[in-house]
């Protein structure tokens, strides 16, 4: 299972507000359903699932702002694809929390 962080920035929208675009990106993820799990954060979205499913949904997310009228879209994708043991968004956070407790 891979974990990815994606930030999609529409450019040339005529407004500094991006929340409507972010909401549509979340709808794309909702439609993807079972193959991926995700968490919206203040600055990006974290996605976990099989690598092929993540890449497919990120492609759909990248296209969404164009459908809303954006003239340019900048997408940043970081992938953590660990294959020596199972990993999830939650397990990564729990690992750090255990270390914080001592």
N, C-alpha and C. Protein backbone atom coordinates (compact mmCIF):
# COMPACT_ATOMS: atom_id res chain seq x y z
N UNK A 1 0.85 -1.18 0.00
CA UNK A 1 0.00 0.00 0.00
C UNK A 1 0.89 1.23 0.00
N UNK A 2 0.55 2.20 -0.81
CA UNK A 2 1.29 3.45 -0.91
C UNK A 2 0.53 4.57 -0.20
N UNK A 3 1.27 5.58 0.19
CA UNK A 3 0.69 6.78 0.79
C UNK A 3 1.21 7.95 -0.02
N UNK A 4 0.32 8.85 -0.39
CA UNK A 4 0.71 9.99 -1.22
C UNK A 4 0.16 11.28 -0.63
N UNK A 5 0.89 12.34 -0.89
CA UNK A 5 0.44 13.69 -0.54
C UNK A 5 0.30 14.45 -1.85
N UNK A 6 -0.83 15.07 -2.06
CA UNK A 6 -1.05 15.80 -3.30
C UNK A 6 -1.55 17.21 -2.99
N UNK A 7 -0.97 18.17 -3.70
CA UNK A 7 -1.41 19.56 -3.62
C UNK A 7 -1.69 20.01 -5.05
N UNK A 8 -2.90 20.48 -5.28
CA UNK A 8 -3.31 20.91 -6.61
C UNK A 8 -3.69 22.38 -6.53
N UNK A 9 -3.04 23.19 -7.36
CA UNK A 9 -3.25 24.63 -7.33
C UNK A 9 -3.73 25.10 -8.70
N UNK A 10 -4.99 25.54 -8.80
CA UNK A 10 -5.46 26.12 -10.05
C UNK A 10 -4.92 27.55 -10.18
N UNK A 11 -4.50 27.89 -11.39
CA UNK A 11 -3.93 29.21 -11.65
C UNK A 11 -4.75 29.85 -12.77
N UNK A 12 -4.91 31.15 -12.70
CA UNK A 12 -5.67 31.85 -13.74
C UNK A 12 -7.17 31.74 -13.52
N UNK A 13 -7.56 31.79 -12.25
CA UNK A 13 -8.97 31.62 -11.92
C UNK A 13 -9.70 32.95 -11.74
N UNK A 14 -8.94 34.04 -11.63
CA UNK A 14 -9.57 35.34 -11.41
C UNK A 14 -9.92 35.61 -9.97
N UNK A 15 -9.54 34.70 -9.04
CA UNK A 15 -9.85 34.87 -7.63
C UNK A 15 -8.73 34.27 -6.79
N UNK A 16 -8.57 34.80 -5.58
CA UNK A 16 -7.59 34.21 -4.66
C UNK A 16 -8.19 33.07 -3.86
N UNK A 17 -9.50 32.92 -3.86
CA UNK A 17 -10.17 31.85 -3.12
C UNK A 17 -10.06 30.53 -3.88
N UNK A 18 -9.69 29.47 -3.17
CA UNK A 18 -9.55 28.16 -3.79
C UNK A 18 -10.48 27.10 -3.19
N UNK A 19 -11.25 27.46 -2.18
CA UNK A 19 -12.05 26.45 -1.47
C UNK A 19 -13.05 25.75 -2.37
N UNK A 20 -13.60 26.42 -3.35
CA UNK A 20 -14.52 25.76 -4.28
C UNK A 20 -13.82 24.70 -5.11
N UNK A 21 -12.58 24.97 -5.48
CA UNK A 21 -11.79 23.98 -6.21
C UNK A 21 -11.44 22.80 -5.31
N UNK A 22 -11.05 23.10 -4.07
CA UNK A 22 -10.72 22.04 -3.11
C UNK A 22 -11.94 21.16 -2.87
N UNK A 23 -13.11 21.75 -2.74
CA UNK A 23 -14.33 20.96 -2.53
C UNK A 23 -14.57 20.01 -3.70
N UNK A 24 -14.33 20.48 -4.91
CA UNK A 24 -14.52 19.60 -6.08
C UNK A 24 -13.49 18.48 -6.08
N UNK A 25 -12.28 18.76 -5.65
CA UNK A 25 -11.27 17.71 -5.56
C UNK A 25 -11.68 16.64 -4.55
N UNK A 26 -12.30 17.06 -3.46
CA UNK A 26 -12.79 16.08 -2.48
C UNK A 26 -13.92 15.23 -3.07
N UNK A 27 -14.75 15.85 -3.91
CA UNK A 27 -15.81 15.08 -4.59
C UNK A 27 -15.21 14.02 -5.51
N UNK A 28 -14.13 14.35 -6.18
CA UNK A 28 -13.44 13.37 -7.04
C UNK A 28 -13.01 12.18 -6.19
N UNK A 29 -12.45 12.46 -5.02
CA UNK A 29 -12.02 11.38 -4.12
C UNK A 29 -13.20 10.57 -3.61
N UNK A 30 -14.30 11.23 -3.28
CA UNK A 30 -15.50 10.52 -2.83
C UNK A 30 -16.00 9.57 -3.91
N UNK A 31 -15.97 10.01 -5.16
CA UNK A 31 -16.42 9.15 -6.27
C UNK A 31 -15.49 7.96 -6.47
N UNK A 32 -14.22 8.12 -6.13
CA UNK A 32 -13.26 7.02 -6.27
C UNK A 32 -13.62 5.88 -5.33
N UNK A 33 -14.23 6.21 -4.21
CA UNK A 33 -14.73 5.20 -3.28
C UNK A 33 -13.66 4.32 -2.69
N UNK A 34 -13.96 3.03 -2.64
CA UNK A 34 -13.17 2.04 -1.93
C UNK A 34 -11.70 1.92 -2.24
N UNK A 35 -11.26 2.12 -3.50
CA UNK A 35 -9.85 1.85 -3.77
C UNK A 35 -8.88 2.74 -2.99
N UNK A 36 -9.30 3.94 -2.60
CA UNK A 36 -8.40 4.84 -1.88
C UNK A 36 -9.09 5.39 -0.63
N UNK A 37 -8.26 5.67 0.37
CA UNK A 37 -8.72 6.38 1.56
C UNK A 37 -7.95 7.69 1.58
N UNK A 38 -8.55 8.72 2.17
CA UNK A 38 -7.90 10.03 2.10
C UNK A 38 -8.25 10.87 3.31
N UNK A 39 -7.39 11.86 3.55
CA UNK A 39 -7.61 12.86 4.60
C UNK A 39 -7.30 14.23 4.02
N UNK A 40 -8.22 15.14 4.14
CA UNK A 40 -8.01 16.53 3.76
C UNK A 40 -7.28 17.22 4.90
N UNK A 41 -6.20 17.94 4.59
CA UNK A 41 -5.53 18.76 5.60
C UNK A 41 -5.61 20.21 5.14
N UNK A 42 -5.10 21.10 5.95
CA UNK A 42 -5.18 22.52 5.62
C UNK A 42 -4.38 22.90 4.38
N UNK A 43 -3.37 22.10 4.04
CA UNK A 43 -2.47 22.47 2.94
C UNK A 43 -2.40 21.44 1.81
N UNK A 44 -2.94 20.24 2.03
CA UNK A 44 -2.86 19.20 1.01
C UNK A 44 -3.84 18.10 1.35
N UNK A 45 -3.84 17.07 0.53
CA UNK A 45 -4.66 15.88 0.80
C UNK A 45 -3.73 14.68 0.84
N UNK A 46 -3.92 13.82 1.83
CA UNK A 46 -3.16 12.59 1.96
C UNK A 46 -4.04 11.45 1.47
N UNK A 47 -3.47 10.59 0.62
CA UNK A 47 -4.23 9.49 0.02
C UNK A 47 -3.47 8.20 0.27
N UNK A 48 -4.18 7.13 0.63
CA UNK A 48 -3.53 5.82 0.74
C UNK A 48 -4.30 4.80 -0.09
N UNK A 49 -3.57 3.87 -0.63
CA UNK A 49 -4.18 2.82 -1.45
C UNK A 49 -3.13 2.18 -2.33
N UNK A 50 -3.56 1.38 -3.25
CA UNK A 50 -2.63 0.79 -4.21
C UNK A 50 -2.11 1.89 -5.12
N UNK A 51 -0.85 1.80 -5.51
CA UNK A 51 -0.22 2.85 -6.29
C UNK A 51 -1.00 3.18 -7.56
N UNK A 52 -1.45 2.18 -8.28
CA UNK A 52 -2.20 2.43 -9.52
C UNK A 52 -3.49 3.21 -9.25
N UNK A 53 -4.18 2.88 -8.15
CA UNK A 53 -5.41 3.60 -7.80
C UNK A 53 -5.11 5.05 -7.44
N UNK A 54 -4.02 5.27 -6.70
CA UNK A 54 -3.64 6.63 -6.34
C UNK A 54 -3.32 7.44 -7.59
N UNK A 55 -2.53 6.88 -8.48
CA UNK A 55 -2.16 7.61 -9.69
C UNK A 55 -3.38 7.95 -10.54
N UNK A 56 -4.33 7.03 -10.62
CA UNK A 56 -5.54 7.28 -11.39
C UNK A 56 -6.37 8.42 -10.79
N UNK A 57 -6.55 8.38 -9.48
CA UNK A 57 -7.38 9.42 -8.85
C UNK A 57 -6.68 10.78 -8.88
N UNK A 58 -5.35 10.79 -8.76
CA UNK A 58 -4.62 12.06 -8.84
C UNK A 58 -4.76 12.65 -10.24
N UNK A 59 -4.73 11.81 -11.25
CA UNK A 59 -4.94 12.31 -12.62
C UNK A 59 -6.32 12.96 -12.75
N UNK A 60 -7.34 12.30 -12.19
CA UNK A 60 -8.70 12.86 -12.23
C UNK A 60 -8.77 14.17 -11.45
N UNK A 61 -8.08 14.22 -10.31
CA UNK A 61 -8.05 15.44 -9.51
C UNK A 61 -7.36 16.57 -10.27
N UNK A 62 -6.28 16.26 -10.97
CA UNK A 62 -5.54 17.26 -11.74
C UNK A 62 -6.43 17.87 -12.83
N UNK A 63 -7.28 17.07 -13.42
CA UNK A 63 -8.15 17.54 -14.50
C UNK A 63 -9.34 18.37 -14.00
N UNK A 64 -9.76 18.15 -12.76
CA UNK A 64 -10.98 18.78 -12.24
C UNK A 64 -10.95 20.32 -12.31
N UNK A 65 -9.86 20.99 -11.92
CA UNK A 65 -9.88 22.46 -12.00
C UNK A 65 -10.05 22.98 -13.43
N UNK A 66 -9.53 22.26 -14.42
CA UNK A 66 -9.72 22.68 -15.81
C UNK A 66 -11.22 22.67 -16.15
N UNK A 67 -11.91 21.64 -15.67
CA UNK A 67 -13.36 21.54 -15.93
C UNK A 67 -14.12 22.69 -15.25
N UNK A 68 -13.52 23.28 -14.21
CA UNK A 68 -14.14 24.40 -13.51
C UNK A 68 -13.70 25.76 -14.07
N UNK A 69 -12.88 25.75 -15.12
CA UNK A 69 -12.50 26.99 -15.76
C UNK A 69 -11.09 27.48 -15.50
N UNK A 70 -10.31 26.75 -14.70
CA UNK A 70 -8.92 27.17 -14.48
C UNK A 70 -8.17 27.10 -15.80
N UNK A 71 -7.26 28.03 -16.00
CA UNK A 71 -6.49 28.08 -17.23
C UNK A 71 -5.17 27.33 -17.12
N UNK A 72 -4.76 27.08 -15.88
CA UNK A 72 -3.49 26.39 -15.62
C UNK A 72 -3.62 25.68 -14.29
N UNK A 73 -2.99 24.51 -14.16
CA UNK A 73 -3.05 23.75 -12.92
C UNK A 73 -1.65 23.25 -12.59
N UNK A 74 -1.22 23.48 -11.35
CA UNK A 74 0.06 22.99 -10.86
C UNK A 74 -0.22 21.91 -9.82
N UNK A 75 0.28 20.71 -10.06
CA UNK A 75 0.05 19.59 -9.15
C UNK A 75 1.39 19.09 -8.61
N UNK A 76 1.47 18.98 -7.29
CA UNK A 76 2.65 18.43 -6.63
C UNK A 76 2.25 17.13 -5.97
N UNK A 77 2.98 16.06 -6.27
CA UNK A 77 2.67 14.73 -5.75
C UNK A 77 3.90 14.13 -5.11
N UNK A 78 3.77 13.68 -3.87
CA UNK A 78 4.83 12.96 -3.17
C UNK A 78 4.28 11.59 -2.83
N UNK A 79 5.03 10.54 -3.15
CA UNK A 79 4.58 9.16 -2.92
C UNK A 79 5.55 8.45 -1.99
N UNK A 80 5.01 7.82 -0.95
CA UNK A 80 5.77 6.95 -0.05
C UNK A 80 5.27 5.53 -0.31
N UNK A 81 6.06 4.75 -1.01
CA UNK A 81 5.65 3.40 -1.41
C UNK A 81 6.57 2.39 -0.73
N UNK A 82 6.24 2.07 0.51
CA UNK A 82 7.06 1.16 1.30
C UNK A 82 6.57 -0.26 1.09
N UNK A 83 7.50 -1.16 0.75
CA UNK A 83 7.10 -2.53 0.42
C UNK A 83 7.65 -3.57 1.38
N UNK A 84 8.38 -3.13 2.40
CA UNK A 84 8.91 -4.10 3.34
C UNK A 84 7.95 -4.41 4.48
N UNK A 85 6.94 -3.56 4.67
CA UNK A 85 5.91 -3.82 5.68
C UNK A 85 4.69 -2.97 5.38
N UNK A 86 3.57 -3.39 5.91
CA UNK A 86 2.32 -2.66 5.69
C UNK A 86 2.39 -1.29 6.37
N UNK A 87 1.84 -0.29 5.70
CA UNK A 87 1.82 1.06 6.26
C UNK A 87 0.49 1.71 5.91
N UNK A 88 0.09 2.65 6.74
CA UNK A 88 -1.13 3.41 6.50
C UNK A 88 -0.92 4.82 7.03
N UNK A 89 -1.82 5.71 6.69
CA UNK A 89 -1.74 7.07 7.22
C UNK A 89 -1.70 7.00 8.75
N UNK A 90 -2.62 6.24 9.31
CA UNK A 90 -2.73 6.16 10.76
C UNK A 90 -1.49 5.54 11.39
N UNK A 91 -0.95 4.47 10.80
CA UNK A 91 0.21 3.81 11.39
C UNK A 91 1.43 4.73 11.41
N UNK A 92 1.57 5.58 10.41
CA UNK A 92 2.70 6.52 10.39
C UNK A 92 2.57 7.53 11.53
N UNK A 93 1.37 8.03 11.76
CA UNK A 93 1.14 8.99 12.84
C UNK A 93 1.34 8.31 14.19
N UNK A 94 0.80 7.11 14.34
CA UNK A 94 0.95 6.37 15.61
C UNK A 94 2.41 6.09 15.93
N UNK A 95 3.24 5.82 14.94
CA UNK A 95 4.65 5.58 15.17
C UNK A 95 5.33 6.79 15.79
N UNK A 96 5.02 7.97 15.28
CA UNK A 96 5.58 9.20 15.83
C UNK A 96 5.03 9.46 17.23
N UNK A 97 3.74 9.24 17.43
CA UNK A 97 3.13 9.46 18.75
C UNK A 97 3.76 8.56 19.81
N UNK A 98 4.06 7.30 19.45
CA UNK A 98 4.72 6.39 20.40
C UNK A 98 6.10 6.93 20.80
N UNK A 99 6.82 7.44 19.84
CA UNK A 99 8.14 7.99 20.13
C UNK A 99 8.05 9.25 20.98
N UNK A 100 7.02 10.03 20.81
CA UNK A 100 6.83 11.22 21.63
C UNK A 100 6.56 10.87 23.09
N UNK A 101 5.85 9.76 23.29
CA UNK A 101 5.54 9.32 24.66
C UNK A 101 6.77 8.74 25.37
N UNK A 102 7.78 8.41 24.62
CA UNK A 102 9.00 8.02 25.25
C UNK A 102 9.45 6.66 25.08
